[in-house]
Amino acid sequence: MHELSIASSLINICLEKAAENNAAKIINVKIKIGKLSGVEVHYLKEAFDVVKAGTLAENCSFEYILQDIVVFCEACQKESVLKENIFKCPLCQNKEIQVIDGEDLFLMNLEFEK
């Protein structure tokens, strides 16, 4: 379960940012998880609950946005969203596409209390 190491890294980043801002506690953490990131949201949430215990983030809420797979088609020169894991342009059916969003995990927002 690599979600535990991701949660641990995430809490470390949050705590580092809290210290930089002289925060008394972390109120909310919001992340964006790409559908191709390989991260299971349920397991990440559980792991985050474990690693935040006893920290400034102990009582913080955890929000996430599940990012669709966004591709750019070389043939029709348009961006579109893949509804399924069929890697071809949903507009023109060309297979020469580039994934431009939906592969990563990002910390989007961090809310502190001073």
Protein backbone atom coordinates (compact mmCIF):
# COMPACT_ATOMS: atom_id res chain seq x y z
CA MET A 1 0.00 0.00 0.00
CA HIS A 2 1.96 3.00 -1.26
CA GLU A 3 -0.80 5.31 -0.03
CA LEU A 4 0.81 5.28 3.43
CA SER A 5 4.10 6.68 2.10
CA ILE A 6 2.17 9.26 0.05
CA ALA A 7 0.16 10.28 3.13
CA SER A 8 3.36 10.52 5.15
CA SER A 9 4.97 12.76 2.53
CA LEU A 10 1.82 14.85 2.32
CA ILE A 11 1.63 15.41 6.08
CA ASN A 12 5.33 16.32 6.15
CA ILE A 13 4.75 18.98 3.48
CA CYS A 14 1.73 20.29 5.38
CA LEU A 15 3.64 20.48 8.65
CA GLU A 16 6.57 22.19 6.95
CA LYS A 17 4.26 24.83 5.44
CA ALA A 18 2.51 25.27 8.79
CA ALA A 19 5.85 25.92 10.50
CA GLU A 20 6.86 28.41 7.77
CA ASN A 21 3.61 30.30 8.45
CA ASN A 22 3.74 30.05 12.26
CA ALA A 23 0.44 28.18 12.27
CA ALA A 24 -1.02 26.82 15.49
CA LYS A 25 -2.91 24.11 13.64
CA ILE A 26 -3.91 22.88 10.21
CA ILE A 27 -7.64 23.12 9.56
CA ASN A 28 -8.05 21.74 6.04
CA VAL A 29 -6.01 19.91 3.41
CA LYS A 30 -7.27 19.77 -0.18
CA ILE A 31 -5.59 17.71 -2.87
CA LYS A 32 -6.19 16.86 -6.52
CA ILE A 33 -5.80 13.20 -7.44
CA GLY A 34 -5.50 12.20 -11.07
CA LYS A 35 -7.39 9.12 -12.18
CA LEU A 36 -4.13 7.79 -13.64
CA SER A 37 -2.09 8.52 -10.50
CA GLY A 38 -2.46 4.98 -9.19
CA VAL A 39 -3.68 6.32 -5.84
CA GLU A 40 -6.68 4.73 -4.20
CA VAL A 41 -8.55 7.61 -2.53
CA HIS A 42 -10.10 5.47 0.21
CA TYR A 43 -6.72 4.06 1.28
CA LEU A 44 -5.07 7.48 1.08
CA LYS A 45 -7.75 8.97 3.34
CA GLU A 46 -7.28 6.18 5.88
CA ALA A 47 -3.49 6.53 5.76
CA PHE A 48 -3.76 10.30 6.14
CA ASP A 49 -5.91 9.83 9.24
CA VAL A 50 -3.20 7.61 10.72
CA VAL A 51 -0.21 9.89 9.98
CA LYS A 52 -1.91 13.11 11.08
CA ALA A 53 -2.54 11.79 14.62
CA GLY A 54 -0.62 13.75 17.24
CA THR A 55 0.33 16.55 14.82
CA LEU A 56 -0.92 20.07 14.11
CA ALA A 57 -3.17 18.43 11.51
CA GLU A 58 -4.79 15.98 13.95
CA ASN A 59 -8.29 17.45 13.58
CA CYS A 60 -8.07 18.79 10.05
CA SER A 61 -10.50 17.91 7.32
CA PHE A 62 -9.33 16.17 4.16
CA GLU A 63 -10.82 17.10 0.80
CA TYR A 64 -9.98 15.87 -2.66
CA ILE A 65 -10.82 16.51 -6.27
CA LEU A 66 -10.69 13.48 -8.54
CA GLN A 67 -9.16 14.74 -11.79
CA ASP A 68 -10.37 13.23 -15.06
CA ILE A 69 -7.89 12.22 -17.73
CA VAL A 70 -7.44 15.19 -20.06
CA VAL A 71 -5.73 14.61 -23.40
CA PHE A 72 -4.54 16.70 -26.31
CA CYS A 73 -4.99 15.21 -29.77
CA GLU A 74 -2.21 15.76 -32.29
CA ALA A 75 -4.60 15.18 -35.20
CA CYS A 76 -7.53 17.49 -34.41
CA GLN A 77 -5.53 19.80 -32.09
CA LYS A 78 -8.19 19.74 -29.37
CA GLU A 79 -8.30 18.94 -25.68
CA SER A 80 -10.84 16.46 -24.43
CA VAL A 81 -11.64 14.30 -21.42
CA LEU A 82 -11.40 10.53 -21.58
CA LYS A 83 -14.44 8.95 -19.98
CA GLU A 84 -12.88 5.47 -20.14
CA ASN A 85 -9.32 4.17 -20.24
CA ILE A 86 -9.42 3.95 -24.03
CA PHE A 87 -6.47 6.02 -25.14
CA LYS A 88 -7.67 7.60 -28.32
CA CYS A 89 -9.21 10.97 -29.03
CA PRO A 90 -12.92 10.85 -28.20
CA LEU A 91 -13.54 13.46 -30.92
CA CYS A 92 -11.70 12.03 -33.95
CA GLN A 93 -10.63 8.56 -32.67
CA ASN A 94 -6.92 9.24 -33.40
CA LYS A 95 -4.47 7.41 -31.16
CA GLU A 96 -1.82 10.14 -31.22
CA ILE A 97 -2.75 11.85 -27.97
CA GLN A 98 -0.84 13.31 -25.04
CA VAL A 99 -2.11 13.14 -21.49
CA ILE A 100 -2.04 16.70 -20.14
CA ASP A 101 -3.85 16.20 -16.82
CA GLY A 102 -4.97 13.37 -14.59
CA GLU A 103 -1.68 11.59 -13.87
CA ASP A 104 -0.54 13.37 -10.72
CA LEU A 105 -1.39 14.20 -7.15
CA PHE A 106 -1.19 17.86 -6.10
CA LEU A 107 -1.62 19.70 -2.84
CA MET A 108 -4.14 22.34 -3.91
CA ASN A 109 -4.98 24.16 -0.69
CA LEU A 110 -3.81 24.23 2.90
CA GLU A 111 -5.78 26.09 5.53
CA PHE A 112 -4.16 27.16 8.82
CA GLU A 113 -5.18 28.70 12.08
CA LYS A 114 -2.64 30.99 13.75
